[in-house]
Amino acid sequence: MGTGEVKEGFLCPLCLKDLQSFYQLQGHYEEEHSGDDRHVRGQLKSI
């Protein structure tokens, strides 16, 4: 993603994969990033 480029939709917050629905995003996140919870919390705290 280039500087200033805006992406919208059901994007995974970790890998930015564009999914088609909330349910697909939820499933993807649970399958692909279930062990990444501490990493996400750290990112959110730094915002």
PDB file of N, CA and C in Angstrom:
ATOM      1  N   MET A   1       0.856  -1.181   0.000  1.00  0.00           N
ATOM      2  CA  MET A   1       0.000   0.000   0.000  1.00  0.00           C
ATOM      3  C   MET A   1       0.893   1.232   0.000  1.00  0.00           C
ATOM      4  N   GLY A   2       0.698   2.118  -0.962  1.00  0.00           N
ATOM      5  CA  GLY A   2       1.508   3.308  -1.090  1.00  0.00           C
ATOM      6  C   GLY A   2       1.079   4.402  -0.134  1.00  0.00           C
ATOM      7  N   THR A   3       1.906   5.415  -0.028  1.00  0.00           N
ATOM      8  CA  THR A   3       1.607   6.541   0.840  1.00  0.00           C
ATOM      9  C   THR A   3       0.345   7.241   0.361  1.00  0.00           C
ATOM     10  N   GLY A   4      -0.586   7.456   1.267  1.00  0.00           N
ATOM     11  CA  GLY A   4      -1.818   8.141   0.930  1.00  0.00           C
ATOM     12  C   GLY A   4      -2.891   7.259   0.321  1.00  0.00           C
ATOM     13  N   GLU A   5      -2.581   5.994   0.078  1.00  0.00           N
ATOM     14  CA  GLU A   5      -3.571   5.083  -0.498  1.00  0.00           C
ATOM     15  C   GLU A   5      -4.550   4.654   0.591  1.00  0.00           C
ATOM     16  N   VAL A   6      -5.835   4.710   0.280  1.00  0.00           N
ATOM     17  CA  VAL A   6      -6.879   4.352   1.230  1.00  0.00           C
ATOM     18  C   VAL A   6      -7.505   3.036   0.804  1.00  0.00           C
ATOM     19  N   LYS A   7      -7.627   2.120   1.760  1.00  0.00           N
ATOM     20  CA  LYS A   7      -8.286   0.845   1.493  1.00  0.00           C
ATOM     21  C   LYS A   7      -9.509   0.758   2.388  1.00  0.00           C
ATOM     22  N   GLU A   8     -10.593   0.241   1.851  1.00  0.00           N
ATOM     23  CA  GLU A   8     -11.833   0.092   2.601  1.00  0.00           C
ATOM     24  C   GLU A   8     -12.344  -1.323   2.449  1.00  0.00           C
ATOM     25  N   GLY A   9     -13.205  -1.717   3.371  1.00  0.00           N
ATOM     26  CA  GLY A   9     -13.827  -3.027   3.293  1.00  0.00           C
ATOM     27  C   GLY A   9     -13.550  -3.823   4.552  1.00  0.00           C
ATOM     28  N   PHE A  10     -13.624  -5.118   4.414  1.00  0.00           N
ATOM     29  CA  PHE A  10     -13.386  -6.025   5.525  1.00  0.00           C
ATOM     30  C   PHE A  10     -11.927  -6.463   5.475  1.00  0.00           C
ATOM     31  N   LEU A  11     -11.044  -5.587   5.964  1.00  0.00           N
ATOM     32  CA  LEU A  11      -9.610  -5.819   5.904  1.00  0.00           C
ATOM     33  C   LEU A  11      -9.114  -6.407   7.215  1.00  0.00           C
ATOM     34  N   CYS A  12      -8.277  -7.424   7.108  1.00  0.00           N
ATOM     35  CA  CYS A  12      -7.634  -7.977   8.289  1.00  0.00           C
ATOM     36  C   CYS A  12      -6.701  -6.908   8.856  1.00  0.00           C
ATOM     37  N   PRO A  13      -6.799  -6.612  10.146  1.00  0.00           N
ATOM     38  CA  PRO A  13      -5.957  -5.564  10.721  1.00  0.00           C
ATOM     39  C   PRO A  13      -4.477  -5.926  10.783  1.00  0.00           C
ATOM     40  N   LEU A  14      -4.144  -7.202  10.654  1.00  0.00           N
ATOM     41  CA  LEU A  14      -2.742  -7.613  10.736  1.00  0.00           C
ATOM     42  C   LEU A  14      -2.085  -7.771   9.378  1.00  0.00           C
ATOM     43  N   CYS A  15      -2.756  -8.435   8.442  1.00  0.00           N
ATOM     44  CA  CYS A  15      -2.110  -8.694   7.148  1.00  0.00           C
ATOM     45  C   CYS A  15      -2.755  -7.911   6.001  1.00  0.00           C
ATOM     46  N   LEU A  16      -3.810  -7.159   6.300  1.00  0.00           N
ATOM     47  CA  LEU A  16      -4.519  -6.316   5.332  1.00  0.00           C
ATOM     48  C   LEU A  16      -5.153  -7.105   4.186  1.00  0.00           C
ATOM     49  N   LYS A  17      -5.406  -8.395   4.399  1.00  0.00           N
ATOM     50  CA  LYS A  17      -6.105  -9.188   3.392  1.00  0.00           C
ATOM     51  C   LYS A  17      -7.535  -8.679   3.289  1.00  0.00           C
ATOM     52  N   ASP A  18      -8.007  -8.490   2.073  1.00  0.00           N
ATOM     53  CA  ASP A  18      -9.353  -7.982   1.822  1.00  0.00           C
ATOM     54  C   ASP A  18     -10.318  -9.155   1.756  1.00  0.00           C
ATOM     55  N   LEU A  19     -11.220  -9.236   2.737  1.00  0.00           N
ATOM     56  CA  LEU A  19     -12.213 -10.303   2.783  1.00  0.00           C
ATOM     57  C   LEU A  19     -13.577  -9.720   2.422  1.00  0.00           C
ATOM     58  N   GLN A  20     -14.518 -10.566   2.089  1.00  0.00           N
ATOM     59  CA  GLN A  20     -15.781 -10.104   1.516  1.00  0.00           C
ATOM     60  C   GLN A  20     -16.890  -9.846   2.533  1.00  0.00           C
ATOM     61  N   SER A  21     -16.741 -10.328   3.764  1.00  0.00           N
ATOM     62  CA  SER A  21     -17.791 -10.136   4.762  1.00  0.00           C
ATOM     63  C   SER A  21     -17.189 -10.178   6.161  1.00  0.00           C
ATOM     64  N   PHE A  22     -17.985  -9.755   7.114  1.00  0.00           N
ATOM     65  CA  PHE A  22     -17.563  -9.814   8.509  1.00  0.00           C
ATOM     66  C   PHE A  22     -17.243 -11.246   8.912  1.00  0.00           C
ATOM     67  N   TYR A  23     -18.080 -12.187   8.479  1.00  0.00           N
ATOM     68  CA  TYR A  23     -17.898 -13.585   8.868  1.00  0.00           C
ATOM     69  C   TYR A  23     -16.616 -14.173   8.280  1.00  0.00           C
ATOM     70  N   GLN A  24     -16.292 -13.805   7.050  1.00  0.00           N
ATOM     71  CA  GLN A  24     -15.037 -14.268   6.450  1.00  0.00           C
ATOM     72  C   GLN A  24     -13.841 -13.651   7.170  1.00  0.00           C
ATOM     73  N   LEU A  25     -13.956 -12.384   7.522  1.00  0.00           N
ATOM     74  CA  LEU A  25     -12.887 -11.715   8.259  1.00  0.00           C
ATOM     75  C   LEU A  25     -12.687 -12.366   9.619  1.00  0.00           C
ATOM     76  N   GLN A  26     -13.772 -12.640  10.311  1.00  0.00           N
ATOM     77  CA  GLN A  26     -13.689 -13.270  11.624  1.00  0.00           C
ATOM     78  C   GLN A  26     -13.042 -14.655  11.526  1.00  0.00           C
ATOM     79  N   GLY A  27     -13.480 -15.452  10.553  1.00  0.00           N
ATOM     80  CA  GLY A  27     -12.913 -16.780  10.358  1.00  0.00           C
ATOM     81  C   GLY A  27     -11.434 -16.723  10.010  1.00  0.00           C
ATOM     82  N   HIS A  28     -11.085 -15.821   9.104  1.00  0.00           N
ATOM     83  CA  HIS A  28      -9.684 -15.648   8.711  1.00  0.00           C
ATOM     84  C   HIS A  28      -8.842 -15.269   9.924  1.00  0.00           C
ATOM     85  N   TYR A  29      -9.318 -14.310  10.694  1.00  0.00           N
ATOM     86  CA  TYR A  29      -8.554 -13.840  11.849  1.00  0.00           C
ATOM     87  C   TYR A  29      -8.344 -14.959  12.862  1.00  0.00           C
ATOM     88  N   GLU A  30      -9.410 -15.718  13.135  1.00  0.00           N
ATOM     89  CA  GLU A  30      -9.309 -16.804  14.108  1.00  0.00           C
ATOM     90  C   GLU A  30      -8.361 -17.902  13.629  1.00  0.00           C
ATOM     91  N   GLU A  31      -8.379 -18.206  12.336  1.00  0.00           N
ATOM     92  CA  GLU A  31      -7.527 -19.270  11.802  1.00  0.00           C
ATOM     93  C   GLU A  31      -6.076 -18.830  11.633  1.00  0.00           C
ATOM     94  N   GLU A  32      -5.883 -17.640  11.114  1.00  0.00           N
ATOM     95  CA  GLU A  32      -4.537 -17.197  10.743  1.00  0.00           C
ATOM     96  C   GLU A  32      -3.790 -16.451  11.848  1.00  0.00           C
ATOM     97  N   HIS A  33      -4.515 -15.803  12.741  1.00  0.00           N
ATOM     98  CA  HIS A  33      -3.866 -14.911  13.702  1.00  0.00           C
ATOM     99  C   HIS A  33      -4.266 -15.183  15.149  1.00  0.00           C
ATOM    100  N   SER A  34      -4.736 -16.377  15.448  1.00  0.00           N
ATOM    101  CA  SER A  34      -5.223 -16.667  16.798  1.00  0.00           C
ATOM    102  C   SER A  34      -4.135 -16.517  17.860  1.00  0.00           C
ATOM    103  N   GLY A  35      -2.878 -16.696  17.502  1.00  0.00           N
ATOM    104  CA  GLY A  35      -1.789 -16.554  18.462  1.00  0.00           C
ATOM    105  C   GLY A  35      -1.209 -15.158  18.525  1.00  0.00           C
ATOM    106  N   ASP A  36      -1.765 -14.223  17.784  1.00  0.00           N
ATOM    107  CA  ASP A  36      -1.208 -12.873  17.673  1.00  0.00           C
ATOM    108  C   ASP A  36      -1.878 -11.862  18.595  1.00  0.00           C
ATOM    109  N   ASP A  37      -2.699 -12.310  19.557  1.00  0.00           N
ATOM    110  CA  ASP A  37      -3.478 -11.392  20.389  1.00  0.00           C
ATOM    111  C   ASP A  37      -2.614 -10.365  21.109  1.00  0.00           C
ATOM    112  N   ARG A  38      -1.504 -10.793  21.673  1.00  0.00           N
ATOM    113  CA  ARG A  38      -0.659  -9.844  22.407  1.00  0.00           C
ATOM    114  C   ARG A  38      -0.098  -8.781  21.476  1.00  0.00           C
ATOM    115  N   HIS A  39       0.246  -9.171  20.255  1.00  0.00           N
ATOM    116  CA  HIS A  39       0.770  -8.226  19.272  1.00  0.00           C
ATOM    117  C   HIS A  39      -0.275  -7.157  18.951  1.00  0.00           C
ATOM    118  N   VAL A  40      -1.518  -7.572  18.753  1.00  0.00           N
ATOM    119  CA  VAL A  40      -2.594  -6.627  18.428  1.00  0.00           C
ATOM    120  C   VAL A  40      -2.831  -5.685  19.591  1.00  0.00           C
ATOM    121  N   ARG A  41      -2.879  -6.206  20.799  1.00  0.00           N
ATOM    122  CA  ARG A  41      -3.095  -5.348  21.966  1.00  0.00           C
ATOM    123  C   ARG A  41      -1.987  -4.311  22.089  1.00  0.00           C
ATOM    124  N   GLY A  42      -0.762  -4.712  21.805  1.00  0.00           N
ATOM    125  CA  GLY A  42       0.359  -3.776  21.848  1.00  0.00           C
ATOM    126  C   GLY A  42       0.221  -2.679  20.817  1.00  0.00           C
ATOM    127  N   GLN A  43      -0.258  -3.035  19.624  1.00  0.00           N
ATOM    128  CA  GLN A  43      -0.471  -2.034  18.577  1.00  0.00           C
ATOM    129  C   GLN A  43      -1.566  -1.066  18.985  1.00  0.00           C
ATOM    130  N   LEU A  44      -2.651  -1.580  19.557  1.00  0.00           N
ATOM    131  CA  LEU A  44      -3.763  -0.715  19.942  1.00  0.00           C
ATOM    132  C   LEU A  44      -3.358   0.226  21.070  1.00  0.00           C
ATOM    133  N   LYS A  45      -2.556  -0.235  22.000  1.00  0.00           N
ATOM    134  CA  LYS A  45      -2.115   0.624  23.097  1.00  0.00           C
ATOM    135  C   LYS A  45      -1.212   1.743  22.607  1.00  0.00           C
ATOM    136  N   SER A  46      -0.490   1.503  21.515  1.00  0.00           N
ATOM    137  CA  SER A  46       0.427   2.525  21.011  1.00  0.00           C
ATOM    138  C   SER A  46      -0.270   3.599  20.189  1.00  0.00           C
ATOM    139  N   ILE A  47      -1.548   3.421  19.917  1.00  0.00           N
ATOM    140  CA  ILE A  47      -2.293   4.403  19.104  1.00  0.00           C
ATOM    141  C   ILE A  47      -2.678   5.589  19.954  1.00  0.00           C
TER     142      ILE A  47
END
